[in-house]
Every structure is written in structure tokens, then in C-alpha cells.
C-alpha atoms as a PDB file:
ATOM      1  CA  MET A   1      -0.289   0.160   0.489  1.00  0.00           C
ATOM      2  CA  SER A   2       1.445   3.273  -1.458  1.00  0.00           C
ATOM      3  CA  PHE A   3       1.119   7.025   0.736  1.00  0.00           C
ATOM      4  CA  ALA A   4      -1.709   9.113  -0.613  1.00  0.00           C
ATOM      5  CA  ASN A   5      -2.334  13.042   1.011  1.00  0.00           C
ATOM      6  CA  PRO A   6      -5.476  13.924   1.654  1.00  0.00           C
ATOM      7  CA  ASP A   7      -8.115  15.397  -0.367  1.00  0.00           C
ATOM      8  CA  ASP A   8      -8.278  19.217  -0.937  1.00  0.00           C
ATOM      9  CA  ALA A   9     -11.718  19.322   1.703  1.00  0.00           C
ATOM     10  CA  SER A  10     -10.070  17.075   4.051  1.00  0.00           C
ATOM     11  CA  LEU A  11      -6.848  19.696   3.648  1.00  0.00           C
ATOM     12  CA  ARG A  12      -9.334  22.767   4.233  1.00  0.00           C
ATOM     13  CA  ALA A  13     -10.555  20.948   7.162  1.00  0.00           C
ATOM     14  CA  LEU A  14      -6.603  20.298   9.230  1.00  0.00           C
ATOM     15  CA  LEU A  15      -6.444  24.037   7.928  1.00  0.00           C
ATOM     16  CA  ASP A  16      -9.491  25.189   9.554  1.00  0.00           C
ATOM     17  CA  ARG A  17      -9.259  23.761  12.988  1.00  0.00           C
ATOM     18  CA  THR A  18      -5.465  23.800  13.773  1.00  0.00           C
ATOM     19  CA  ARG A  19      -4.458  26.831  15.506  1.00  0.00           C
ATOM     20  CA  THR A  20      -0.886  26.159  17.074  1.00  0.00           C
ATOM     21  CA  ILE A  21       1.890  24.956  14.105  1.00  0.00           C
ATOM     22  CA  ALA A  22       5.186  22.873  15.848  1.00  0.00           C
ATOM     23  CA  VAL A  23       8.113  23.906  13.191  1.00  0.00           C
ATOM     24  CA  VAL A  24      10.504  21.207  13.832  1.00  0.00           C
ATOM     25  CA  GLY A  25      13.372  22.678  12.048  1.00  0.00           C
ATOM     26  CA  LEU A  26      12.606  25.988  11.893  1.00  0.00           C
ATOM     27  CA  SER A  27      14.967  28.176  10.715  1.00  0.00           C
ATOM     28  CA  PRO A  28      16.155  31.640  12.525  1.00  0.00           C
ATOM     29  CA  GLN A  29      17.689  33.027   9.546  1.00  0.00           C
ATOM     30  CA  PRO A  30      14.779  35.028   7.239  1.00  0.00           C
ATOM     31  CA  ALA A  31      16.355  34.453   4.177  1.00  0.00           C
ATOM     32  CA  ARG A  32      15.798  30.175   4.549  1.00  0.00           C
ATOM     33  CA  PRO A  33      12.319  28.570   3.431  1.00  0.00           C
ATOM     34  CA  SER A  34      11.729  27.456   7.088  1.00  0.00           C
ATOM     35  CA  TYR A  35      11.701  31.007   8.499  1.00  0.00           C
ATOM     36  CA  ARG A  36       9.566  32.655   5.423  1.00  0.00           C
ATOM     37  CA  VAL A  37       6.984  29.351   5.518  1.00  0.00           C
ATOM     38  CA  ALA A  38       6.476  29.790   9.007  1.00  0.00           C
ATOM     39  CA  GLN A  39       6.233  33.833   8.841  1.00  0.00           C
ATOM     40  CA  ALA A  40       3.776  33.944   6.986  1.00  0.00           C
ATOM     41  CA  MET A  41       1.596  30.899   8.659  1.00  0.00           C
ATOM     42  CA  GLN A  42       1.989  33.824  11.719  1.00  0.00           C
ATOM     43  CA  ARG A  43       0.790  36.026   9.690  1.00  0.00           C
ATOM     44  CA  TYR A  44      -2.201  34.388   8.676  1.00  0.00           C
ATOM     45  CA  GLY A  45      -2.988  33.928  12.204  1.00  0.00           C
ATOM     46  CA  TYR A  46      -1.678  31.001  13.276  1.00  0.00           C
ATOM     47  CA  ARG A  47       0.761  30.187  16.247  1.00  0.00           C
ATOM     48  CA  ILE A  48       4.286  28.838  15.192  1.00  0.00           C
ATOM     49  CA  VAL A  49       5.866  27.116  18.088  1.00  0.00           C
ATOM     50  CA  PRO A  50       9.780  26.961  16.748  1.00  0.00           C
ATOM     51  CA  VAL A  51      11.290  23.253  17.488  1.00  0.00           C
ATOM     52  CA  ARG A  52      15.008  23.888  17.482  1.00  0.00           C
ATOM     53  CA  PRO A  53      17.805  22.838  19.640  1.00  0.00           C
ATOM     54  CA  LEU A  54      20.307  26.230  20.179  1.00  0.00           C
ATOM     55  CA  VAL A  55      18.089  28.576  19.410  1.00  0.00           C
ATOM     56  CA  ASP A  56      16.380  30.834  22.345  1.00  0.00           C
ATOM     57  CA  ARG A  57      13.209  32.534  19.860  1.00  0.00           C
ATOM     58  CA  VAL A  58      12.811  32.822  16.399  1.00  0.00           C
ATOM     59  CA  LEU A  59       9.427  34.813  14.987  1.00  0.00           C
ATOM     60  CA  GLY A  60       9.279  36.233  18.277  1.00  0.00           C
ATOM     61  CA  GLU A  61       8.140  32.999  19.691  1.00  0.00           C
ATOM     62  CA  GLN A  62      10.129  30.603  22.643  1.00  0.00           C
ATOM     63  CA  ALA A  63      12.197  28.344  20.651  1.00  0.00           C
ATOM     64  CA  TYR A  64      12.669  24.022  22.348  1.00  0.00           C
ATOM     65  CA  ALA A  65      14.817  22.038  21.790  1.00  0.00           C
ATOM     66  CA  SER A  66      12.108  18.842  21.297  1.00  0.00           C
ATOM     67  CA  LEU A  67       8.026  18.900  20.602  1.00  0.00           C
ATOM     68  CA  ALA A  68       8.369  16.886  24.119  1.00  0.00           C
ATOM     69  CA  ASP A  69       9.570  19.810  25.294  1.00  0.00           C
ATOM     70  CA  ILE A  70       6.550  22.433  24.485  1.00  0.00           C
ATOM     71  CA  PRO A  71       4.673  22.383  27.071  1.00  0.00           C
ATOM     72  CA  PHE A  72       1.867  23.092  25.829  1.00  0.00           C
ATOM     73  CA  ALA A  73      -0.411  21.703  22.851  1.00  0.00           C
ATOM     74  CA  VAL A  74      -0.184  21.661  19.311  1.00  0.00           C
ATOM     75  CA  ASP A  75      -2.378  21.570  16.676  1.00  0.00           C
ATOM     76  CA  LEU A  76      -0.178  20.721  13.449  1.00  0.00           C
ATOM     77  CA  VAL A  77       3.704  19.680  13.774  1.00  0.00           C
ATOM     78  CA  ASN A  78       5.453  20.989   9.940  1.00  0.00           C
ATOM     79  CA  VAL A  79       8.978  18.931   9.482  1.00  0.00           C
ATOM     80  CA  PHE A  80      11.575  21.331   7.857  1.00  0.00           C
ATOM     81  CA  ARG A  81      14.029  18.447   8.348  1.00  0.00           C
ATOM     82  CA  ALA A  82      15.408  15.794   5.266  1.00  0.00           C
ATOM     83  CA  ALA A  83      14.247  12.755   5.161  1.00  0.00           C
ATOM     84  CA  GLU A  84      16.098  10.580   7.289  1.00  0.00           C
ATOM     85  CA  HIS A  85      15.404  12.912   9.981  1.00  0.00           C
ATOM     86  CA  VAL A  86      11.409  12.331   9.949  1.00  0.00           C
ATOM     87  CA  PRO A  87      11.190   8.399  11.450  1.00  0.00           C
ATOM     88  CA  ALA A  88      12.211   9.634  14.925  1.00  0.00           C
ATOM     89  CA  ILE A  89      10.335  12.696  14.353  1.00  0.00           C
ATOM     90  CA  VAL A  90       6.837  10.903  13.582  1.00  0.00           C
ATOM     91  CA  GLU A  91       7.484   8.816  16.970  1.00  0.00           C
ATOM     92  CA  GLN A  92       8.119  11.546  18.346  1.00  0.00           C
ATOM     93  CA  CYS A  93       4.153  12.766  17.622  1.00  0.00           C
ATOM     94  CA  LEU A  94       2.986   9.016  18.151  1.00  0.00           C
ATOM     95  CA  ALA A  95       5.043   9.468  21.562  1.00  0.00           C
ATOM     96  CA  LEU A  96       2.669  13.088  22.308  1.00  0.00           C
ATOM     97  CA  HIS A  97      -0.530  11.772  20.424  1.00  0.00           C
ATOM     98  CA  SER A  98      -0.620   9.333  22.963  1.00  0.00           C
ATOM     99  CA  LEU A  99       0.194  10.785  25.695  1.00  0.00           C
ATOM    100  CA  GLN A 100      -2.294  14.348  25.155  1.00  0.00           C
ATOM    101  CA  ARG A 101      -5.388  14.383  26.675  1.00  0.00           C
ATOM    102  CA  PRO A 102      -8.611  14.599  24.527  1.00  0.00           C
ATOM    103  CA  ASP A 103      -9.306  18.002  23.374  1.00  0.00           C
ATOM    104  CA  SER A 104     -12.812  19.606  22.890  1.00  0.00           C
ATOM    105  CA  THR A 105     -13.251  17.823  20.162  1.00  0.00           C
ATOM    106  CA  GLY A 106     -12.446  13.883  21.166  1.00  0.00           C
ATOM    107  CA  HIS A 107      -9.018  14.331  18.971  1.00  0.00           C
ATOM    108  CA  ARG A 108      -5.434  13.693  20.388  1.00  0.00           C
ATOM    109  CA  LEU A 109      -3.451  16.440  19.633  1.00  0.00           C
ATOM    110  CA  PRO A 110      -0.768  16.878  17.275  1.00  0.00           C
ATOM    111  CA  ALA A 111      -3.680  15.008  15.420  1.00  0.00           C
ATOM    112  CA  ALA A 112      -1.726  16.086  12.023  1.00  0.00           C
ATOM    113  CA  ILE A 113       2.067  16.445  10.526  1.00  0.00           C
ATOM    114  CA  TRP A 114       3.124  17.548   7.418  1.00  0.00           C
ATOM    115  CA  ILE A 115       6.056  17.218   5.948  1.00  0.00           C
ATOM    116  CA  GLN A 116       7.760  19.903   3.447  1.00  0.00           C
ATOM    117  CA  GLU A 117       7.641  19.977  -0.326  1.00  0.00           C
ATOM    118  CA  GLY A 118      11.079  17.787  -1.117  1.00  0.00           C
ATOM    119  CA  ILE A 119      10.967  16.018   1.275  1.00  0.00           C
ATOM    120  CA  VAL A 120       9.734  12.239   1.580  1.00  0.00           C
ATOM    121  CA  HIS A 121       9.559   8.870   3.535  1.00  0.00           C
ATOM    122  CA  GLU A 122       6.918   6.748   2.882  1.00  0.00           C
ATOM    123  CA  THR A 123       7.263   4.571   5.575  1.00  0.00           C
ATOM    124  CA  ALA A 124       7.563   7.166   7.842  1.00  0.00           C
ATOM    125  CA  ALA A 125       4.461   8.237   6.549  1.00  0.00           C
ATOM    126  CA  GLN A 126       2.467   5.457   6.596  1.00  0.00           C
ATOM    127  CA  ARG A 127       3.634   4.581  10.411  1.00  0.00           C
ATOM    128  CA  ALA A 128       2.167   8.048  11.047  1.00  0.00           C
ATOM    129  CA  GLN A 129      -1.444   7.028   9.598  1.00  0.00           C
ATOM    130  CA  ALA A 130      -1.529   3.979  11.258  1.00  0.00           C
ATOM    131  CA  GLY A 131      -1.009   5.321  14.337  1.00  0.00           C
ATOM    132  CA  GLY A 132      -4.291   7.841  14.230  1.00  0.00           C
ATOM    133  CA  MET A 133      -2.515  11.227  12.832  1.00  0.00           C
ATOM    134  CA  THR A 134      -3.509  13.029   9.501  1.00  0.00           C
ATOM    135  CA  VAL A 135      -0.080  12.624   7.575  1.00  0.00           C
ATOM    136  CA  VAL A 136       0.861  15.166   4.639  1.00  0.00           C
ATOM    137  CA  MET A 137       3.707  14.648   2.532  1.00  0.00           C
ATOM    138  CA  ASP A 138       6.410  16.183   0.230  1.00  0.00           C
ATOM    139  CA  ARG A 139       3.288  19.173   0.200  1.00  0.00           C
ATOM    140  CA  CYS A 140       4.236  23.288   1.196  1.00  0.00           C
ATOM    141  CA  LEU A 141       2.407  23.965   3.862  1.00  0.00           C
ATOM    142  CA  LEU A 142       2.066  27.958   2.920  1.00  0.00           C
ATOM    143  CA  LYS A 143       1.554  27.036  -1.040  1.00  0.00           C
ATOM    144  CA  GLU A 144      -1.395  25.017   0.281  1.00  0.00           C
ATOM    145  CA  TYR A 145      -3.027  27.221   2.417  1.00  0.00           C
ATOM    146  CA  VAL A 146      -2.622  30.164  -0.428  1.00  0.00           C
ATOM    147  CA  ARG A 147      -4.271  27.700  -2.376  1.00  0.00           C
ATOM    148  CA  LEU A 148      -7.171  26.045  -0.909  1.00  0.00           C
ATOM    149  CA  LYS A 149      -7.901  29.112   1.767  1.00  0.00           C
ATOM    150  CA  THR A 150      -7.523  32.372  -0.362  1.00  0.00           C
ATOM    151  CA  ALA A 151      -8.235  31.301  -3.969  1.00  0.00           C
END
């Protein structure tokens, strides 16, 4: 069975219910794609949570060394790391997914992982899906937001 991204209606619903996005690999350098995408999503009203060791703040938000260090729930984990790092990030998400209490809608959080355009790891994506997470892979969060929500 090969991986398939959610359809457009599901992506719109994901974007609608998302409020807080943890960005794994968010660079503090404005020229980097992770910074530009996160900054744009922040301007669209999302709270951005930087996940990057050895950085204090990015885009005015406190940075955390790992997903497990974030002291509050996030709705979506956006991954800006090379494909070889994706399995470990998925395992962290699944651990948090199973530990966090359901929110008012009954969903456990984080309920979704978005693996940025150009990053592909089918086995890890299927593992996240099998664990109950919504997975988007090899697509740019910002491009999809603009396509689905501003057109």
C-alpha cells in the first residue's frame, strides 16, 4: 500500500481546525524557506512554535529543543528536516499523540504532521497514519494554504 495525501476537503478542514503549528527545524535565518513559510503562516493567524535546539526565539516565539519540551498542545507538526530525520520525528509525534488528553472535540493532539515539499519518507508517513495521525507529505504548507484558503 502506497502513501496518499488527504484530498482537498480534508486539507481545508485540517487548516481550519489548526491554531498552533510546531515547526521542527525552523531556522532563525530569514532567507531560509522554513522561516519564510512559518512567518507567512504566522501572518495568516497561526501560532508558530519553533522546535530547534540551541535557539532561544524565532519569529518572536520561544523555541523548544524538542517536541516533548513544548508545555502545551499543538495542532500540527510541520517538518523542515531531511528525510532521514522523519522517522524519529514521527515517533516523537506518536508518543505525544498517545499521551495528550483529548481536546473538546475528542481529538488527541497533535493529530497531524505535515512533511514539507521535497521531503519524502513513505514508511514513516504510513507509520504516522497507522498511529491515527493525519499526514501530508511532500507538499508546502504555505502553498497549500494559499491554494485552498485564499483563492
